[in-house]
Amino acid sequence: MRKRPGHPEQAIPPGLEQSLPLPVVSIIGRPNVGKSTLFNRVFGTRHVIVDDTPGVTRDRIYAECTYQGCRFKLVDTGGLDPSATEGMLGLIRQQTQMAIAEADILLVMMDGRAGLTPLDQEIIKLLRGMTKPIFFVINKIDRPEPDSLLADFFQLGRDTLYPISAEQGIGVDELLEAIIPLLPKSEVCESDPTYPRVAVVGRPNVGKSTLVNTILGEDRVLVSPTPGTTRDPVDTLVNIQGRHYLFTDTAGIRRRGRIERGIEGYSVVRTLRALGRSDVAILLLDSLEGVTEQDTKIAGLIAKQGRACILLVNKWDLRKGEPDAQKQYHQDITRRFSFMTFVPTLFGSAMKPQTIARLFTKINEVMTAFTQRVPTSRLNQFLQRVITENPLPIKKRRPVKSVFITQVATKPPTFALFVGQPIEVKSAYTRYLENRLRDSFGFEGTPIRILVRQK
């Protein structure tokens, strides 16, 4: 039985941007020819948003795929208009040109139902003179006799065209079998599965993509004053001082009533999924706009997912000369984020290297707390001190005695408190216990969960 195309056998998750020693296959073409559909088909899951609206994909999206034992990195790109120089289309063109430059093999996709268009011909002219292998892929060919739909494309002068239906999977195996022999050999390095996963979240236009680009030192993701520029979560593996981090740039989350159905709705869902698989969330705040109600709601989503968190107040360089600004902002954060008082706050600019250096120091500290495990013996010594200072609740003049406490999980740190009458231990006491755990063992930036169980 033939193996499903591109089904990942990976220790590395989809979306690694860092130049790993894997050959690169980039999918390019004008808008709405089915690039993301093919990307999802080869990867084996719906990793990229697909919609009939042209221009849904904007950033370069990466996934590591395996076919017939051969591993390669697949790149999805936005719809290309070679003549575009300004606005969103101009930014997409720049991202696509980067994908073309780094590719070992190019897949030029066209729409078989629409025929060969002038924009297709402009893209083909752009590739003239390139020595790397180029495959002309004609999508939306789902008829038993495809010649009538392919006739228009024979004027390209190519001996071989690759008719496929990315939606139905027709012809995809044949395309991959033609690509595999041309992929350069590479030594595959297994990635460390323990690297921190960091999601950059926040409202639209607070500087999430700018932060990721500054960390990378290149325009990895699109940056535009237009809110909603980022749609698909973009995963990026970076190496800082010998340590790997997987960063995820996410779509901005607007108020629920302002989220449009369709593409924006899909983007928000994917942002929440990206947050759920992360270890640390960097919540960006706008120094000029202050802490908004929507910022509080996003912080609530982070807390609900049980993720570690860092608050980064961006664009702080624009508030130089305001002596009391930082104090006032801290007060606003304390008031708005009363449920996350354990979260550290940084003030800086997403464009400044000094901010990035401080951010990575804090990520390491928070990640250490998120994965910290306290020995059971130390925990029970701690508990005895706590009970002596503040006894557990009393029922019928008899104290509810705790016999045991142990840590049962990390990410986030989770503790089980075993008592005779769990119903008598109210939330006020568990909050007290949580605060004492922080006083004794740290846990900066990470939530703590306490489970009260019958002894």
Protein backbone atom coordinates (compact mmCIF):
# COMPACT_ATOMS: atom_id res chain seq x y z
CA MET A 1 0.00 0.00 0.00
CA ARG A 2 1.41 3.37 -0.98
CA LYS A 3 2.28 5.67 1.87
CA ARG A 4 0.25 8.84 2.30
CA PRO A 5 2.16 11.77 0.74
CA GLY A 6 4.35 13.67 3.13
CA HIS A 7 2.98 12.14 6.30
CA PRO A 8 5.43 13.47 8.90
CA GLU A 9 7.61 11.07 10.86
CA GLN A 10 9.12 14.01 12.68
CA ALA A 11 10.69 14.75 15.99
CA ILE A 12 10.60 18.34 14.72
CA PRO A 13 7.20 20.07 14.62
CA PRO A 14 5.79 21.83 11.56
CA GLY A 15 6.95 25.34 10.87
CA LEU A 16 10.70 25.30 11.58
CA GLU A 17 12.22 28.30 9.89
CA GLN A 18 15.83 28.04 10.97
CA SER A 19 18.03 26.70 8.17
CA LEU A 20 18.24 23.06 9.14
CA PRO A 21 20.29 20.76 6.87
CA LEU A 22 17.26 19.78 4.80
CA PRO A 23 16.54 20.46 1.11
CA VAL A 24 13.89 23.12 0.51
CA VAL A 25 10.91 22.82 -1.85
CA SER A 26 9.03 26.12 -2.33
CA ILE A 27 5.52 26.42 -3.79
CA ILE A 28 4.93 29.68 -5.68
CA GLY A 29 2.26 31.05 -7.97
CA ARG A 30 -0.32 33.77 -8.36
CA PRO A 31 -3.14 34.12 -5.80
CA ASN A 32 -5.80 31.44 -5.41
CA VAL A 33 -4.26 28.67 -7.51
CA GLY A 34 -4.23 26.18 -4.60
CA LYS A 35 -0.75 26.53 -3.11
CA SER A 36 -1.90 26.13 0.49
CA THR A 37 -4.13 23.21 -0.45
CA LEU A 38 -1.13 21.39 -1.94
CA PHE A 39 0.97 22.32 1.09
CA ASN A 40 -1.63 20.79 3.42
CA ARG A 41 -1.98 17.73 1.19
CA VAL A 42 1.75 16.98 1.18
CA PHE A 43 2.21 17.69 4.87
CA GLY A 44 -0.75 15.47 5.70
CA THR A 45 -2.84 17.85 7.82
CA ARG A 46 -4.64 21.17 7.54
CA HIS A 47 -1.70 23.27 8.71
CA VAL A 48 -2.43 26.41 6.67
CA ILE A 49 -5.70 28.34 6.33
CA VAL A 50 -7.40 27.60 2.98
CA ASP A 51 -10.18 29.82 1.63
CA ASP A 52 -11.59 30.82 -1.74
CA THR A 53 -10.60 34.43 -1.04
CA PRO A 54 -7.34 35.35 -2.86
CA GLY A 55 -4.40 36.43 -0.71
CA VAL A 56 -5.16 34.38 2.42
CA THR A 57 -1.53 33.23 2.88
CA ARG A 58 0.92 36.09 3.42
CA ASP A 59 4.01 34.88 5.28
CA ARG A 60 6.27 32.01 4.34
CA ILE A 61 4.94 28.89 6.08
CA TYR A 62 7.31 25.96 6.67
CA ALA A 63 6.78 22.28 7.40
CA GLU A 64 9.12 19.32 7.53
CA CYS A 65 7.78 16.45 5.41
CA THR A 66 8.78 12.86 4.71
CA TYR A 67 8.06 10.94 1.51
CA GLN A 68 9.45 7.47 0.77
CA GLY A 69 12.01 7.95 3.52
CA CYS A 70 13.25 11.27 2.13
CA ARG A 71 12.90 14.32 4.36
CA PHE A 72 12.57 17.84 3.02
CA LYS A 73 11.31 21.24 4.05
CA LEU A 74 8.17 22.42 2.26
CA VAL A 75 7.45 26.16 1.98
CA ASP A 76 4.07 27.74 1.27
CA THR A 77 4.03 31.34 0.00
CA GLY A 78 1.55 34.10 -0.60
CA GLY A 79 0.06 34.82 -4.01
CA LEU A 80 2.78 36.44 -6.15
CA ASP A 81 2.37 39.54 -8.29
CA PRO A 82 5.85 40.34 -9.73
CA SER A 83 4.86 43.92 -10.55
CA ALA A 84 3.66 44.77 -7.03
CA THR A 85 5.98 47.13 -5.14
CA GLU A 86 3.74 48.70 -2.51
CA GLY A 87 1.17 47.69 0.09
CA MET A 88 0.42 44.14 1.15
CA LEU A 89 1.08 42.67 -2.31
CA GLY A 90 4.53 44.25 -2.30
CA LEU A 91 5.32 42.72 1.09
CA ILE A 92 4.08 39.31 -0.07
CA ARG A 93 6.27 39.60 -3.17
CA GLN A 94 9.33 40.18 -0.95
CA GLN A 95 8.53 37.09 1.13
CA THR A 96 8.04 34.99 -2.00
CA GLN A 97 11.35 36.18 -3.46
CA MET A 98 13.07 35.03 -0.27
CA ALA A 99 11.40 31.62 -0.64
CA ILE A 100 12.58 31.42 -4.26
CA ALA A 101 16.14 32.32 -3.30
CA GLU A 102 16.44 29.68 -0.59
CA ALA A 103 14.69 26.89 -2.52
CA ASP A 104 16.47 23.86 -3.96
CA ILE A 105 13.36 23.04 -6.04
CA LEU A 106 10.52 25.30 -7.15
CA LEU A 107 6.94 24.24 -7.75
CA VAL A 108 5.19 26.82 -9.94
CA MET A 109 1.45 26.32 -9.52
CA MET A 110 -1.18 27.38 -12.05
CA ASP A 111 -4.94 26.96 -12.28
CA GLY A 112 -6.00 24.43 -14.92
CA ARG A 113 -9.55 25.72 -15.01
CA ALA A 114 -8.51 29.33 -15.59
CA GLY A 115 -5.84 28.49 -18.15
CA LEU A 116 -2.51 30.26 -18.63
CA THR A 117 -2.97 33.85 -17.48
CA PRO A 118 -0.78 36.93 -18.09
CA LEU A 119 0.17 36.88 -14.40
CA ASP A 120 1.32 33.26 -14.71
CA GLN A 121 3.50 34.30 -17.65
CA GLU A 122 5.02 37.18 -15.64
CA ILE A 123 5.97 34.78 -12.88
CA ILE A 124 7.57 32.38 -15.35
CA LYS A 125 9.58 35.26 -16.86
CA LEU A 126 10.82 36.10 -13.36
CA LEU A 127 12.33 32.60 -13.12
CA ARG A 128 14.18 32.66 -16.43
CA GLY A 129 17.88 32.01 -16.10
CA MET A 130 17.57 30.03 -12.88
CA THR A 131 19.47 26.77 -12.83
CA LYS A 132 17.52 25.12 -10.01
CA PRO A 133 14.86 22.54 -10.96
CA ILE A 134 11.44 24.05 -11.69
CA PHE A 135 8.24 21.99 -11.90
CA PHE A 136 5.13 23.39 -13.60
CA VAL A 137 2.18 22.11 -11.57
CA ILE A 138 -1.29 22.51 -13.08
CA ASN A 139 -3.86 22.33 -10.30
CA LYS A 140 -7.61 21.68 -10.26
CA ILE A 141 -7.34 18.91 -12.86
CA ASP A 142 -9.81 16.33 -11.64
CA ARG A 143 -11.16 14.99 -14.94
CA PRO A 144 -10.29 11.53 -16.28
CA GLU A 145 -9.19 13.12 -19.59
CA PRO A 146 -7.19 16.24 -18.64
CA ASP A 147 -5.78 17.11 -22.10
CA SER A 148 -8.44 19.70 -22.86
CA LEU A 149 -7.54 21.63 -19.71
CA LEU A 150 -3.79 21.26 -20.24
CA ALA A 151 -3.77 22.40 -23.89
CA ASP A 152 -3.25 26.06 -22.97
CA PHE A 153 -0.12 25.25 -20.95
CA PHE A 154 1.78 23.39 -23.67
CA GLN A 155 2.81 26.77 -25.10
CA LEU A 156 5.24 27.00 -22.16
CA GLY A 157 7.50 24.67 -24.14
CA ARG A 158 7.88 22.14 -21.35
CA ASP A 159 8.09 18.45 -22.12
CA THR A 160 6.50 17.54 -18.79
CA LEU A 161 3.62 19.17 -16.98
CA TYR A 162 2.27 17.86 -13.70
CA PRO A 163 -1.55 17.86 -13.63
CA ILE A 164 -2.89 17.44 -10.11
CA SER A 165 -5.93 18.00 -7.94
CA ALA A 166 -4.52 19.19 -4.63
CA GLU A 167 -7.98 19.06 -3.10
CA GLN A 168 -8.54 15.38 -3.98
CA GLY A 169 -4.90 14.25 -3.96
CA ILE A 170 -4.92 13.20 -7.63
CA GLY A 171 -1.43 13.32 -9.17
CA VAL A 172 0.34 14.41 -5.97
CA ASP A 173 2.22 11.11 -5.61
CA GLU A 174 3.48 11.37 -9.19
CA LEU A 175 4.70 14.91 -8.53
CA LEU A 176 6.56 13.90 -5.37
CA GLU A 177 8.13 10.87 -7.07
CA ALA A 178 9.53 13.20 -9.73
CA ILE A 179 10.91 15.61 -7.10
CA ILE A 180 12.58 13.13 -4.75
CA PRO A 181 15.48 12.04 -7.05
CA LEU A 182 16.47 15.71 -7.56
CA LEU A 183 16.67 16.64 -3.88
CA PRO A 184 20.25 17.18 -2.72
CA LYS A 185 21.51 14.70 -0.16
CA SER A 186 21.72 16.06 3.37
CA GLU A 187 22.75 14.97 6.81
CA VAL A 188 19.68 15.25 8.99
CA CYS A 189 20.32 16.46 12.51
CA GLU A 190 17.72 15.50 15.06
CA SER A 191 16.39 18.51 16.89
CA ASP A 192 16.36 18.72 20.67
CA PRO A 193 12.73 18.06 21.69
CA THR A 194 13.22 19.98 24.94
CA TYR A 195 13.60 23.47 23.48
CA PRO A 196 11.24 26.11 24.88
CA ARG A 197 8.20 26.92 22.75
CA VAL A 198 7.39 30.60 22.91
CA ALA A 199 4.16 32.11 21.54
CA VAL A 200 4.06 35.86 20.84
CA VAL A 201 0.48 37.01 21.40
CA GLY A 202 -1.48 40.22 21.73
CA ARG A 203 -3.94 42.55 20.06
CA PRO A 204 -3.49 43.44 16.38
CA ASN A 205 -0.68 45.85 15.54
CA VAL A 206 1.14 45.86 18.88
CA GLY A 207 4.44 44.69 17.32
CA LYS A 208 4.39 40.89 17.45
CA SER A 209 5.88 40.35 13.99
CA THR A 210 8.40 43.16 14.54
CA LEU A 211 9.62 41.38 17.67
CA VAL A 212 10.08 38.06 15.83
CA ASN A 213 11.92 39.77 12.94
CA THR A 214 14.26 41.57 15.37
CA ILE A 215 15.09 38.28 17.09
CA LEU A 216 15.91 36.71 13.70
CA GLY A 217 17.71 39.70 12.26
CA GLU A 218 15.66 39.44 9.04
CA ASP A 219 12.17 40.12 7.70
CA ARG A 220 10.93 36.60 8.37
CA VAL A 221 7.28 37.67 8.76
CA LEU A 222 5.31 40.50 7.22
CA VAL A 223 5.14 43.76 9.13
CA SER A 224 2.53 46.33 8.14
CA PRO A 225 0.54 49.09 9.86
CA THR A 226 -2.58 47.27 8.63
CA PRO A 227 -4.11 45.28 11.52
CA GLY A 228 -4.53 41.56 10.80
CA THR A 229 -1.44 41.20 8.59
CA THR A 230 -0.46 37.88 10.21
CA ARG A 231 -3.01 35.11 9.65
CA ASP A 232 -1.35 31.73 10.01
CA PRO A 233 0.81 31.13 13.09
CA VAL A 234 4.42 31.24 11.88
CA ASP A 235 6.84 28.93 13.72
CA THR A 236 10.50 29.87 13.74
CA LEU A 237 13.39 27.93 15.27
CA VAL A 238 16.17 30.22 16.50
CA ASN A 239 19.51 29.54 18.14
CA ILE A 240 20.64 31.97 20.82
CA GLN A 241 24.00 31.25 22.46
CA GLY A 242 23.78 27.56 21.63
CA ARG A 243 20.22 27.08 22.84
CA HIS A 244 17.20 26.54 20.58
CA TYR A 245 13.84 28.27 20.97
CA LEU A 246 10.74 27.75 18.86
CA PHE A 247 8.98 31.10 18.41
CA THR A 248 5.44 31.38 17.09
CA ASP A 249 4.21 34.67 15.67
CA THR A 250 0.42 34.66 15.93
CA ALA A 251 -2.52 36.60 14.55
CA GLY A 252 -3.76 39.50 16.66
CA ILE A 253 -6.85 38.75 18.74
CA ARG A 254 -9.59 41.37 18.56
CA ARG A 255 -12.71 41.62 20.68
CA ARG A 256 -15.08 38.74 19.96
CA GLY A 257 -17.77 41.02 18.56
CA ARG A 258 -15.32 42.49 16.04
CA ILE A 259 -13.91 39.19 14.77
CA GLU A 260 -15.13 38.60 11.24
CA ARG A 261 -16.29 35.19 10.14
CA GLY A 262 -14.14 33.21 7.77
CA ILE A 263 -10.42 33.95 7.53
CA GLU A 264 -10.08 36.06 10.68
CA GLY A 265 -12.07 33.53 12.67
CA TYR A 266 -9.77 30.73 11.49
CA SER A 267 -6.74 32.87 12.40
CA VAL A 268 -7.93 33.37 15.97
CA VAL A 269 -8.64 29.65 16.39
CA ARG A 270 -5.13 28.84 15.18
CA THR A 271 -3.67 31.44 17.54
CA LEU A 272 -5.39 29.71 20.46
CA ARG A 273 -4.07 26.34 19.30
CA ALA A 274 -0.55 27.77 19.02
CA LEU A 275 -0.88 29.16 22.53
CA GLY A 276 -2.02 25.78 23.81
CA ARG A 277 1.08 24.00 22.49
CA SER A 278 3.50 26.64 23.78
CA ASP A 279 5.43 26.74 27.06
CA VAL A 280 5.80 30.50 27.42
CA ALA A 281 3.51 33.26 26.12
CA ILE A 282 4.92 36.72 25.53
CA LEU A 283 1.98 39.10 25.81
CA LEU A 284 2.78 42.35 24.01
CA LEU A 285 1.19 45.54 25.28
CA ASP A 286 1.17 48.95 23.61
CA SER A 287 2.84 51.64 25.74
CA LEU A 288 0.90 54.43 24.05
CA GLU A 289 -2.56 52.88 24.26
CA GLY A 290 -2.18 51.53 27.78
CA VAL A 291 -3.65 48.29 29.10
CA THR A 292 -7.00 47.62 27.46
CA GLU A 293 -9.87 45.32 28.31
CA GLN A 294 -8.88 43.10 25.38
CA ASP A 295 -5.35 42.76 26.80
CA THR A 296 -6.95 41.48 30.01
CA LYS A 297 -9.02 38.96 28.09
CA ILE A 298 -5.96 37.66 26.22
CA ALA A 299 -4.14 37.33 29.55
CA GLY A 300 -7.14 35.34 30.76
CA LEU A 301 -6.75 32.95 27.81
CA ILE A 302 -3.08 32.46 28.73
CA ALA A 303 -4.01 31.73 32.34
CA LYS A 304 -6.77 29.33 31.27
CA GLN A 305 -4.30 27.40 29.10
CA GLY A 306 -1.88 27.18 32.05
CA ARG A 307 1.01 28.75 30.15
CA ALA A 308 3.94 30.63 31.64
CA CYS A 309 3.85 34.31 30.72
CA ILE A 310 5.96 37.46 30.28
CA LEU A 311 4.48 40.90 29.72
CA LEU A 312 6.41 43.06 27.27
CA VAL A 313 5.35 46.70 27.10
CA ASN A 314 6.37 47.61 23.56
CA LYS A 315 7.23 51.03 22.06
CA TRP A 316 8.46 52.30 25.43
CA ASP A 317 11.13 54.37 23.65
CA LEU A 318 8.30 56.64 22.52
CA ARG A 319 7.60 57.56 26.15
CA LYS A 320 11.05 58.74 27.13
CA GLY A 321 10.98 61.87 29.20
CA GLU A 322 7.90 60.86 31.19
CA PRO A 323 9.32 60.31 34.70
CA ASP A 324 6.23 58.73 36.26
CA ALA A 325 5.06 56.77 33.21
CA GLN A 326 6.54 53.42 34.20
CA LYS A 327 5.15 53.62 37.74
CA GLN A 328 1.69 54.48 36.43
CA TYR A 329 1.82 51.68 33.86
CA HIS A 330 2.82 49.20 36.57
CA GLN A 331 -0.16 50.28 38.62
CA ASP A 332 -2.44 49.79 35.63
CA ILE A 333 -1.01 46.29 35.04
CA THR A 334 -1.48 45.39 38.72
CA ARG A 335 -5.10 46.51 38.57
CA ARG A 336 -5.94 44.86 35.25
CA PHE A 337 -3.96 41.64 35.76
CA SER A 338 -4.75 40.98 39.42
CA PHE A 339 -5.00 37.26 38.59
CA MET A 340 -1.44 37.22 37.20
CA THR A 341 0.60 39.07 39.80
CA PHE A 342 3.37 36.48 39.45
CA VAL A 343 4.09 37.50 35.83
CA PRO A 344 7.24 39.61 35.19
CA THR A 345 6.99 42.82 33.16
CA LEU A 346 9.58 44.23 30.76
CA PHE A 347 9.54 47.72 29.25
CA GLY A 348 11.31 48.23 25.94
CA SER A 349 11.09 48.26 22.17
CA ALA A 350 10.60 45.23 19.92
CA MET A 351 13.11 46.82 17.54
CA LYS A 352 15.97 47.21 20.06
CA PRO A 353 18.63 44.50 20.63
CA GLN A 354 18.86 45.52 24.30
CA THR A 355 15.22 44.57 24.77
CA ILE A 356 15.79 41.22 23.06
CA ALA A 357 18.73 40.40 25.36
CA ARG A 358 16.64 41.13 28.48
CA LEU A 359 13.73 39.18 27.03
CA PHE A 360 15.76 35.99 26.51
CA THR A 361 17.15 36.22 30.04
CA LYS A 362 13.61 36.37 31.35
CA ILE A 363 12.44 33.54 29.05
CA ASN A 364 15.14 31.28 30.50
CA GLU A 365 14.15 32.18 34.06
CA VAL A 366 10.44 31.65 33.44
CA MET A 367 11.05 28.39 31.58
CA THR A 368 13.10 27.12 34.51
CA ALA A 369 10.20 27.91 36.84
CA PHE A 370 7.68 26.31 34.44
CA THR A 371 9.60 23.02 34.50
CA GLN A 372 10.75 23.16 38.14
CA ARG A 373 10.15 20.10 40.31
CA VAL A 374 10.41 20.30 44.12
CA PRO A 375 11.37 17.13 46.03
CA THR A 376 8.59 15.66 48.13
CA SER A 377 10.64 15.81 51.33
CA ARG A 378 11.17 19.57 50.96
CA LEU A 379 7.51 20.09 50.16
CA ASN A 380 6.35 18.35 53.32
CA GLN A 381 8.83 20.27 55.47
CA PHE A 382 7.44 23.42 53.86
CA LEU A 383 3.86 22.31 54.53
CA GLN A 384 4.48 21.72 58.20
CA ARG A 385 5.81 25.26 58.58
CA VAL A 386 2.80 26.66 56.73
CA ILE A 387 0.30 24.72 58.86
CA THR A 388 2.03 25.88 62.03
CA GLU A 389 1.78 29.52 60.95
CA ASN A 390 -1.73 29.29 59.51
CA PRO A 391 -3.64 26.09 60.38
CA LEU A 392 -5.99 24.47 57.95
CA PRO A 393 -9.75 25.13 58.40
CA ILE A 394 -11.46 23.77 61.51
CA LYS A 395 -14.60 21.65 61.50
CA LYS A 396 -16.32 20.86 64.80
CA ARG A 397 -13.28 22.26 66.63
CA ARG A 398 -11.06 19.62 65.09
CA PRO A 399 -8.34 20.74 62.64
CA VAL A 400 -8.33 19.28 59.17
CA LYS A 401 -4.89 17.74 59.13
CA SER A 402 -2.84 17.36 56.01
CA VAL A 403 -0.82 14.22 55.86
CA PHE A 404 0.92 14.67 52.57
CA ILE A 405 1.77 17.02 49.69
CA THR A 406 3.60 16.10 46.50
CA GLN A 407 4.25 17.58 43.08
CA VAL A 408 2.50 15.53 40.41
CA ALA A 409 3.36 17.47 37.23
CA THR A 410 5.27 20.30 35.61
CA LYS A 411 4.30 22.64 32.76
CA PRO A 412 2.68 24.10 34.85
CA PRO A 413 3.84 22.98 38.31
CA THR A 414 0.96 21.00 39.82
CA PHE A 415 0.71 19.83 43.43
CA ALA A 416 -1.60 17.34 45.18
CA LEU A 417 -2.56 18.13 48.77
CA PHE A 418 -4.00 15.08 50.57
CA VAL A 419 -6.32 15.83 53.51
CA GLY A 420 -9.04 14.06 55.47
CA GLN A 421 -11.87 16.36 54.41
CA PRO A 422 -11.07 18.01 51.04
CA ILE A 423 -14.42 19.84 50.99
CA GLU A 424 -13.32 21.91 54.00
CA VAL A 425 -10.25 23.33 52.22
CA LYS A 426 -11.57 26.43 50.48
CA SER A 427 -10.05 28.36 47.60
CA ALA A 428 -8.83 31.10 49.95
CA TYR A 429 -6.53 28.62 51.66
CA THR A 430 -5.20 27.17 48.40
CA ARG A 431 -4.43 30.75 47.25
CA TYR A 432 -2.56 31.28 50.50
CA LEU A 433 -0.68 28.03 49.93
CA GLU A 434 0.17 29.08 46.38
CA ASN A 435 1.61 32.39 47.60
CA ARG A 436 3.73 30.60 50.18
CA LEU A 437 4.99 28.17 47.53
CA ARG A 438 6.11 31.17 45.47
CA ASP A 439 7.79 32.75 48.51
CA SER A 440 9.71 29.55 49.21
CA PHE A 441 10.50 28.16 45.74
CA GLY A 442 10.14 31.02 43.25
CA PHE A 443 7.93 29.99 40.31
CA GLU A 444 8.13 33.44 38.71
CA GLY A 445 6.03 33.76 35.58
CA THR A 446 4.34 30.38 35.83
CA PRO A 447 0.89 29.44 37.14
CA ILE A 448 0.65 26.93 39.98
CA ARG A 449 -2.13 24.39 40.31
CA ILE A 450 -3.07 22.83 43.65
CA LEU A 451 -5.33 19.78 43.70
CA VAL A 452 -6.96 18.92 47.03
CA ARG A 453 -7.49 15.18 47.35
CA GLN A 454 -8.84 12.70 49.87
CA LYS A 455 -6.02 11.15 51.91
